[in-house]
Protein backbone atom coordinates (compact mmCIF):
# COMPACT_ATOMS: atom_id res chain seq x y z
CA MET A 1 19.86 -14.22 6.84
CA ASN A 2 19.33 -11.22 9.08
CA GLN A 3 16.11 -10.79 10.98
CA VAL A 4 14.31 -7.46 10.61
CA ASP A 5 12.09 -5.98 13.31
CA ILE A 6 9.16 -4.14 11.76
CA ARG A 7 6.02 -3.06 13.57
CA ALA A 8 2.80 -1.72 12.18
CA ILE A 9 2.10 1.95 12.84
CA GLY A 10 -1.55 1.84 11.82
CA LYS A 11 -4.10 0.11 9.62
CA VAL A 12 -6.18 0.71 6.52
CA VAL A 13 -9.93 1.21 6.99
CA SER A 14 -11.52 0.48 3.63
CA PRO A 15 -14.81 -0.69 2.12
CA LEU A 16 -12.79 -3.49 0.46
CA ALA A 17 -13.42 -6.50 2.71
CA SER A 18 -11.46 -9.22 0.89
CA ARG A 19 -8.79 -9.76 -1.73
CA SER A 20 -11.48 -10.67 -4.27
CA ASP A 21 -13.11 -7.25 -3.72
CA ALA A 22 -9.90 -5.34 -4.43
CA PRO A 23 -8.87 -4.14 -7.88
CA ARG A 24 -5.40 -5.26 -8.98
CA GLN A 25 -4.18 -1.66 -9.31
CA SER A 26 -5.36 1.63 -7.83
CA ASP A 27 -6.43 3.04 -11.21
CA GLU A 28 -8.84 0.14 -11.73
CA GLY A 29 -11.61 1.45 -9.48
CA ALA A 30 -9.97 1.53 -6.05
CA PRO A 31 -12.03 3.47 -3.50
CA ALA A 32 -11.03 6.12 -1.01
CA ALA A 33 -9.93 4.79 2.38
CA TRP A 34 -8.85 5.99 5.80
CA LEU A 35 -5.40 5.38 7.19
CA VAL A 36 -5.70 5.15 10.96
CA PHE A 37 -2.39 5.56 12.76
CA GLU A 38 -1.40 4.63 16.30
CA PRO A 39 -1.76 7.69 18.57
CA ALA A 40 1.91 7.42 19.58
CA ILE A 41 3.07 8.28 16.05
CA ALA A 42 0.51 11.02 15.30
CA GLU A 43 3.21 13.68 15.56
CA GLY A 44 4.79 12.18 12.42
CA LEU A 45 1.68 13.19 10.45
CA ARG A 46 2.10 16.86 11.38
CA SER A 47 3.06 18.27 7.96
CA LEU A 48 0.79 16.14 5.78
CA LYS A 49 -2.02 18.02 4.05
CA PRO A 50 -4.74 17.50 1.45
CA GLY A 51 -3.34 17.30 -2.06
CA ASP A 52 -0.02 15.76 -0.95
CA ARG A 53 1.04 12.60 -2.77
CA ILE A 54 2.52 9.90 -0.57
CA ILE A 55 3.85 6.39 -0.88
CA LEU A 56 2.00 4.19 1.60
CA ILE A 57 3.97 1.10 2.59
CA THR A 58 1.83 -1.76 3.85
CA TRP A 59 2.22 -5.38 4.92
CA LEU A 60 -0.02 -7.54 2.74
CA ASP A 61 -0.92 -9.80 5.65
CA ARG A 62 -3.23 -12.11 3.71
CA ALA A 63 -0.65 -12.92 1.02
CA ASN A 64 0.84 -16.36 0.40
CA ARG A 65 4.51 -16.01 1.37
CA GLU A 66 5.49 -19.32 -0.28
CA THR A 67 4.65 -18.13 -3.80
CA LEU A 68 7.61 -17.63 -6.12
CA THR A 69 5.93 -17.78 -9.55
CA VAL A 70 2.60 -16.41 -10.74
CA HIS A 71 0.58 -16.05 -13.90
CA PRO A 72 0.63 -12.25 -14.46
CA ARG A 73 -2.68 -10.66 -13.44
CA GLY A 74 -4.00 -14.17 -12.67
CA ASP A 75 -4.34 -14.90 -16.39
CA LEU A 76 -3.69 -18.64 -16.83
CA ALA A 77 -3.20 -18.11 -20.57
CA ARG A 78 0.00 -16.18 -19.80
CA PRO A 79 3.15 -18.13 -18.87
CA PRO A 80 4.26 -18.07 -15.23
CA GLU A 81 6.77 -15.42 -14.19
CA GLY A 82 8.88 -14.99 -11.07
CA VAL A 83 7.08 -12.82 -8.51
CA PHE A 84 9.88 -10.26 -8.48
CA SER A 85 9.02 -9.23 -12.05
CA THR A 86 5.36 -8.69 -11.10
CA ARG A 87 3.25 -6.68 -8.65
CA SER A 88 1.69 -9.81 -7.15
CA ALA A 89 0.69 -9.56 -3.49
CA ASP A 90 1.79 -13.16 -3.04
CA ARG A 91 5.58 -13.13 -2.47
CA PRO A 92 8.14 -14.00 0.24
CA ASN A 93 7.92 -10.55 1.90
CA PRO A 94 4.53 -9.14 0.93
CA ILE A 95 5.25 -5.43 1.15
CA GLY A 96 2.67 -3.22 -0.56
CA LEU A 97 3.62 0.07 -2.21
CA HIS A 98 0.72 2.42 -2.93
CA GLU A 99 1.02 5.92 -4.37
CA VAL A 100 -2.00 7.83 -3.12
CA THR A 101 -3.21 11.41 -2.76
CA ILE A 102 -4.33 12.76 0.59
CA GLU A 103 -7.90 14.09 0.74
CA ALA A 104 -8.08 14.94 4.46
CA VAL A 105 -6.10 14.81 7.68
CA GLU A 106 -8.03 14.53 10.96
CA GLY A 107 -5.87 13.91 14.00
CA ASN A 108 -4.32 10.48 13.60
CA ARG A 109 -6.47 9.65 10.56
CA VAL A 110 -5.63 10.39 6.93
CA ARG A 111 -8.13 9.93 4.09
CA VAL A 112 -6.62 8.97 0.74
CA ARG A 113 -7.94 8.47 -2.79
CA HIS A 114 -7.70 5.28 -4.84
CA LEU A 115 -6.29 2.73 -2.40
CA GLU A 116 -6.52 -0.94 -3.43
CA ALA A 117 -5.49 -2.27 0.02
CA ILE A 118 -8.16 -4.17 1.90
CA ASP A 119 -9.69 -3.36 5.27
CA GLY A 120 -7.35 -4.03 8.18
CA THR A 121 -4.13 -4.06 6.14
CA PRO A 122 -1.25 -3.07 8.45
CA ILE A 123 0.57 0.19 7.63
CA LEU A 124 4.37 0.05 7.93
CA ASP A 125 5.41 3.54 6.82
CA VAL A 126 4.59 6.64 4.77
CA LYS A 127 6.99 8.42 2.45
CA SER A 128 6.51 11.69 0.62
CA VAL A 129 6.54 11.50 -3.17
CA LEU A 130 9.47 13.50 -4.45
CA THR A 131 9.09 15.20 -7.78
CA VAL A 132 12.41 15.51 -9.56
CA ASP A 133 12.86 17.85 -12.50
CA ILE A 134 15.29 15.92 -14.69
CA ALA A 135 16.00 19.06 -16.75
CA GLN A 136 17.62 20.67 -13.68
CA ARG A 137 20.10 17.83 -13.19
């Protein structure tokens, strides 16, 4: 297998202190949070503005990387499924994908709504959400 070199470009600052504090999905009561980026990459934030929707890519650093099967949503009454058919944080490469809306941009800090990532979660990247009008295709 190939090795991949990824480095964090910032971290999440959130009132969620542990995995047990975090909702399973952002629409289940996730709070606002700050994304604090390394000063060296602040220029990359230049065009972001309140109201923009972004995909935040994080490294779920407290995940169990040995997990290959889970009970969906932690419900033991449901049969186990392979992690790749779920949104479980526990997986071989625990990459988090979070669609969020920007509330504010202040220097190298970006405030977003409804982020279920916990405090200190490393940020790997940010991507703009593209809206595609299928009727125009």
